[in-house]
Amino acid sequence: MGMKGTHAHLVWDWNGTLLDDISAVIEATNAAFAEIGLEPITLERYRELYCVPIPRFYERLMGRLPSDAEWTVMDETFHRHYVRHRIGCGLTEGVEELLREWQLAGRSQSLLSMYGHDQLVPVVRGYGIERRFIRVDGRTGPSGGPKALHMERHLGALAASVVPERTVVIGDAVDDALAAAHVGARAVLFTGGSHSRASLESVGVPVVDTLAEAVEEALRLAS
C-alpha cells in the first residue's frame, strides 16, 4: 500500500450504499411503526424526513419523541423485521467491480457501518467482498446514534497507513458527511439510500447518483 498518507483511502458505508437494502429498511420501519399504531411511511417520505439520532427521526413523524418504552419496542421490531427482509437484498449495481478495481490499483478501502458489528461481519463475508477491505467495523453499543465517534475509532485503528486528509467517506446519509468532517476527512454522498437529494445537498459535499460517480469524485477529492 506504500507509505502512510501517499494513497487515497475510501471508507465505505454499508446499508443503503454498498448494500441496496432500502426496501428492507422501509418494510422494517413500517413494521416498527405498526407496533405503536403509526401509519405506514412511503420511501419518498422516509427520505424526506430521515435523520439521526433515530429517535429524532421518529419525532419528526410522531410530533413528539418516542417514550423509552416505545423506542425499545420500535428498535427491537425494526431489527427483527430487517433481518428477515435483508436476505432478499443484493449489492448495489457495480459494487464488486468498483471494490476490485480500487484494490488492484494499490489503494486501500475499509467499511464502517452503524449495523451491529457482530451481525455485520458475517453478512459482508456472505456477499463475498470482505477481502476487499483492510478493516470492517460495525457499531458497538446502543443503536440509533451518530457515526462520528465510530469514525474516529475506525480511522484511529488505521492510523499506521491512512491519514484523514486523503480519506473520503462514501455513504448515503447526512450523518456520513458529518462523521467525515469530525475526523478531517472528505465525503461523497449517494442518492440510492436513506435521504432525498435535497437533504444530501444541504450538507455542502458532492452528491452523486451512482457509486461509480462516487469513486470518481472521491479520487478527485483525495488527490
Protein backbone atom coordinates (compact mmCIF):
# COMPACT_ATOMS: atom_id res chain seq x y z
CA MET A 1 0.00 0.00 0.00
CA GLY A 2 3.01 2.30 0.16
CA MET A 3 3.99 4.82 2.78
CA LYS A 4 1.47 6.33 5.14
CA GLY A 5 -0.62 9.04 3.53
CA THR A 6 0.61 8.52 -0.03
CA HIS A 7 -2.57 6.87 -1.30
CA ALA A 8 -6.26 7.71 -1.31
CA HIS A 9 -8.33 5.72 1.16
CA LEU A 10 -12.09 5.07 0.97
CA VAL A 11 -14.33 4.43 3.96
CA TRP A 12 -17.49 2.82 2.64
CA ASP A 13 -20.85 2.85 4.37
CA TRP A 14 -22.80 -0.41 4.21
CA ASN A 15 -26.58 -0.06 4.48
CA GLY A 16 -28.00 1.94 1.59
CA THR A 17 -24.58 2.34 0.00
CA LEU A 18 -22.78 -0.93 -0.76
CA LEU A 19 -25.90 -2.90 0.15
CA ASP A 20 -29.06 -1.98 -1.76
CA ASP A 21 -31.36 -2.57 1.19
CA ILE A 22 -33.66 0.45 1.27
CA SER A 23 -36.67 -1.78 0.52
CA ALA A 24 -35.88 -3.89 3.60
CA VAL A 25 -35.44 -0.73 5.68
CA ILE A 26 -38.88 0.57 4.65
CA GLU A 27 -40.52 -2.79 5.41
CA ALA A 28 -38.85 -2.94 8.84
CA THR A 29 -39.64 0.71 9.61
CA ASN A 30 -43.32 0.20 8.84
CA ALA A 31 -43.39 -2.92 11.00
CA ALA A 32 -41.93 -0.84 13.84
CA PHE A 33 -44.49 1.92 13.25
CA ALA A 34 -47.34 -0.58 13.31
CA GLU A 35 -46.28 -1.73 16.77
CA ILE A 36 -47.22 1.66 18.24
CA GLY A 37 -50.10 2.47 15.91
CA LEU A 38 -48.38 4.76 13.38
CA GLU A 39 -49.42 4.81 9.73
CA PRO A 40 -47.02 3.28 7.15
CA ILE A 41 -44.47 5.56 5.51
CA THR A 42 -43.56 5.73 1.82
CA LEU A 43 -39.99 5.66 0.53
CA GLU A 44 -40.27 9.30 -0.55
CA ARG A 45 -41.50 10.42 2.88
CA TYR A 46 -38.80 8.36 4.58
CA ARG A 47 -36.06 10.01 2.52
CA GLU A 48 -37.52 13.44 3.16
CA LEU A 49 -37.57 13.06 6.95
CA TYR A 50 -34.77 10.61 7.80
CA CYS A 51 -32.10 11.78 10.25
CA VAL A 52 -30.04 10.59 13.19
CA PRO A 53 -30.28 10.12 16.08
CA ILE A 54 -33.10 7.80 15.03
CA PRO A 55 -35.44 8.90 17.87
CA ARG A 56 -35.31 12.39 16.29
CA PHE A 57 -36.48 10.83 13.01
CA TYR A 58 -39.40 9.27 14.86
CA GLU A 59 -40.12 12.65 16.48
CA ARG A 60 -40.47 14.20 13.01
CA LEU A 61 -43.11 11.59 12.21
CA MET A 62 -44.93 11.46 15.55
CA GLY A 63 -44.77 15.12 16.53
CA ARG A 64 -43.01 14.08 19.74
CA LEU A 65 -40.08 11.97 20.85
CA PRO A 66 -40.99 8.31 21.45
CA SER A 67 -41.03 7.27 25.08
CA ASP A 68 -38.27 4.93 26.26
CA ALA A 69 -40.73 2.03 26.13
CA GLU A 70 -41.85 2.93 22.60
CA TRP A 71 -38.25 3.29 21.41
CA THR A 72 -37.35 -0.13 22.84
CA VAL A 73 -40.30 -1.79 21.09
CA MET A 74 -39.70 0.00 17.77
CA ASP A 75 -35.95 -0.67 17.76
CA GLU A 76 -36.39 -4.37 18.51
CA THR A 77 -39.18 -4.72 15.93
CA PHE A 78 -37.18 -2.89 13.27
CA HIS A 79 -34.12 -5.12 13.64
CA ARG A 80 -36.17 -8.32 13.74
CA HIS A 81 -38.01 -7.49 10.52
CA TYR A 82 -34.92 -6.04 8.84
CA VAL A 83 -33.01 -9.31 9.23
CA ARG A 84 -35.85 -11.18 7.52
CA HIS A 85 -36.17 -8.76 4.59
CA ARG A 86 -32.43 -8.16 4.14
CA ILE A 87 -31.93 -11.70 2.86
CA GLY A 88 -33.54 -10.73 -0.44
CA CYS A 89 -31.31 -7.67 -0.96
CA GLY A 90 -28.29 -7.56 -3.26
CA LEU A 91 -25.25 -5.36 -3.52
CA THR A 92 -25.70 -2.03 -5.27
CA GLU A 93 -25.04 -2.17 -9.01
CA GLY A 94 -21.33 -2.34 -9.88
CA VAL A 95 -20.06 -2.76 -6.30
CA GLU A 96 -17.90 -5.85 -6.84
CA GLU A 97 -16.10 -4.30 -9.81
CA LEU A 98 -15.57 -0.94 -8.11
CA LEU A 99 -14.10 -2.54 -4.99
CA ARG A 100 -11.89 -4.85 -7.04
CA GLU A 101 -10.55 -2.08 -9.28
CA TRP A 102 -9.78 0.19 -6.34
CA GLN A 103 -7.87 -2.59 -4.60
CA LEU A 104 -5.99 -3.62 -7.76
CA ALA A 105 -4.86 -0.01 -8.20
CA GLY A 106 -2.94 -0.37 -4.93
CA ARG A 107 -5.28 1.82 -2.89
CA SER A 108 -6.90 0.87 0.40
CA GLN A 109 -10.53 0.84 1.49
CA SER A 110 -12.41 -0.04 4.63
CA LEU A 111 -16.00 -0.42 5.73
CA LEU A 112 -17.70 1.31 8.65
CA SER A 113 -21.36 0.68 9.38
CA MET A 114 -23.83 1.51 12.11
CA TYR A 115 -25.17 -2.03 11.73
CA GLY A 116 -24.14 -4.07 14.78
CA HIS A 117 -20.57 -5.37 14.43
CA ASP A 118 -21.36 -9.00 15.26
CA GLN A 119 -24.13 -9.04 12.64
CA LEU A 120 -22.21 -7.03 10.04
CA VAL A 121 -19.06 -9.12 9.67
CA PRO A 122 -20.73 -12.42 8.67
CA VAL A 123 -23.15 -10.56 6.37
CA VAL A 124 -20.31 -8.80 4.50
CA ARG A 125 -18.46 -12.12 4.30
CA GLY A 126 -21.59 -13.73 2.88
CA TYR A 127 -21.65 -11.26 -0.01
CA GLY A 128 -18.08 -12.29 -0.89
CA ILE A 129 -16.43 -8.86 -0.60
CA GLU A 130 -14.74 -8.96 2.82
CA ARG A 131 -11.29 -9.49 1.26
CA ARG A 132 -11.50 -6.10 -0.47
CA PHE A 133 -11.26 -4.20 2.83
CA ILE A 134 -8.34 -3.65 5.18
CA ARG A 135 -10.81 -3.28 8.05
CA VAL A 136 -14.54 -3.91 8.61
CA ASP A 137 -16.18 -2.26 11.62
CA GLY A 138 -19.78 -2.23 12.73
CA ARG A 139 -21.48 -0.41 15.56
CA THR A 140 -20.68 -1.32 19.13
CA GLY A 141 -23.01 -0.11 21.86
CA PRO A 142 -26.62 1.14 21.57
CA SER A 143 -28.23 1.64 18.16
CA GLY A 144 -29.72 4.84 16.79
CA GLY A 145 -26.89 7.30 17.43
CA PRO A 146 -24.50 9.24 15.18
CA LYS A 147 -21.44 7.83 13.41
CA ALA A 148 -18.80 10.42 14.35
CA LEU A 149 -17.18 8.66 17.32
CA HIS A 150 -17.27 5.32 15.49
CA MET A 151 -15.46 7.01 12.59
CA GLU A 152 -12.87 8.39 15.00
CA ARG A 153 -12.16 4.91 16.35
CA HIS A 154 -12.19 3.39 12.86
CA LEU A 155 -9.57 5.75 11.46
CA GLY A 156 -7.62 5.57 14.70
CA ALA A 157 -7.25 1.82 14.14
CA LEU A 158 -5.96 2.52 10.61
CA ALA A 159 -3.61 5.34 11.60
CA ALA A 160 -0.46 3.38 10.69
CA SER A 161 -1.32 3.55 6.97
CA VAL A 162 -4.19 6.03 6.49
CA VAL A 163 -4.42 9.79 7.01
CA PRO A 164 -7.75 11.67 7.21
CA GLU A 165 -6.59 14.27 4.66
CA ARG A 166 -6.52 11.61 1.94
CA THR A 167 -9.59 9.73 3.15
CA VAL A 168 -13.02 10.00 1.56
CA VAL A 169 -16.18 8.61 3.14
CA ILE A 170 -18.80 7.30 0.70
CA GLY A 171 -22.26 6.99 2.21
CA ASP A 172 -25.96 7.63 1.72
CA ALA A 173 -26.69 9.79 4.76
CA VAL A 174 -26.02 13.29 6.02
CA ASP A 175 -24.53 11.59 9.09
CA ASP A 176 -21.78 10.09 6.90
CA ALA A 177 -20.68 13.58 5.88
CA LEU A 178 -20.81 14.81 9.48
CA ALA A 179 -18.71 11.83 10.61
CA ALA A 180 -16.17 12.54 7.87
CA ALA A 181 -15.93 16.21 8.88
CA HIS A 182 -15.48 15.17 12.52
CA VAL A 183 -12.21 13.38 11.67
CA GLY A 184 -10.97 15.78 9.00
CA ALA A 185 -11.87 13.55 6.03
CA ARG A 186 -13.93 14.38 2.92
CA ALA A 187 -17.26 12.84 1.90
CA VAL A 188 -19.30 11.96 -1.17
CA LEU A 189 -22.98 11.17 -0.72
CA PHE A 190 -25.03 8.69 -2.79
CA THR A 191 -28.73 9.19 -3.54
CA GLY A 192 -29.64 5.48 -3.58
CA GLY A 193 -30.24 5.09 0.14
CA SER A 194 -31.87 6.87 3.06
CA HIS A 195 -32.02 10.54 2.02
CA SER A 196 -33.55 12.66 -0.70
CA ARG A 197 -31.10 14.50 -2.96
CA ALA A 198 -32.23 17.82 -1.41
CA SER A 199 -31.39 16.56 2.09
CA LEU A 200 -27.96 15.37 0.99
CA GLU A 201 -27.17 18.59 -0.87
CA SER A 202 -27.88 20.61 2.27
CA VAL A 203 -24.53 19.44 3.75
CA GLY A 204 -22.40 21.00 1.03
CA VAL A 205 -20.49 17.92 -0.14
CA PRO A 206 -20.63 16.27 -3.60
CA VAL A 207 -23.84 14.28 -4.21
CA VAL A 208 -23.97 11.55 -6.88
CA ASP A 209 -26.49 9.11 -8.30
CA THR A 210 -24.17 6.10 -8.82
CA LEU A 211 -21.32 4.55 -6.88
CA ALA A 212 -19.11 4.73 -9.97
CA GLU A 213 -19.53 8.52 -9.85
CA ALA A 214 -18.83 8.42 -6.10
CA VAL A 215 -15.49 6.68 -6.62
CA GLU A 216 -14.55 9.08 -9.40
CA GLU A 217 -15.37 12.06 -7.20
CA ALA A 218 -13.56 10.54 -4.22
CA LEU A 219 -10.39 10.10 -6.24
CA ARG A 220 -10.56 13.74 -7.26
CA LEU A 221 -11.08 14.90 -3.67
CA ALA A 222 -8.23 12.77 -2.29
CA SER A 223 -5.70 13.72 -4.96
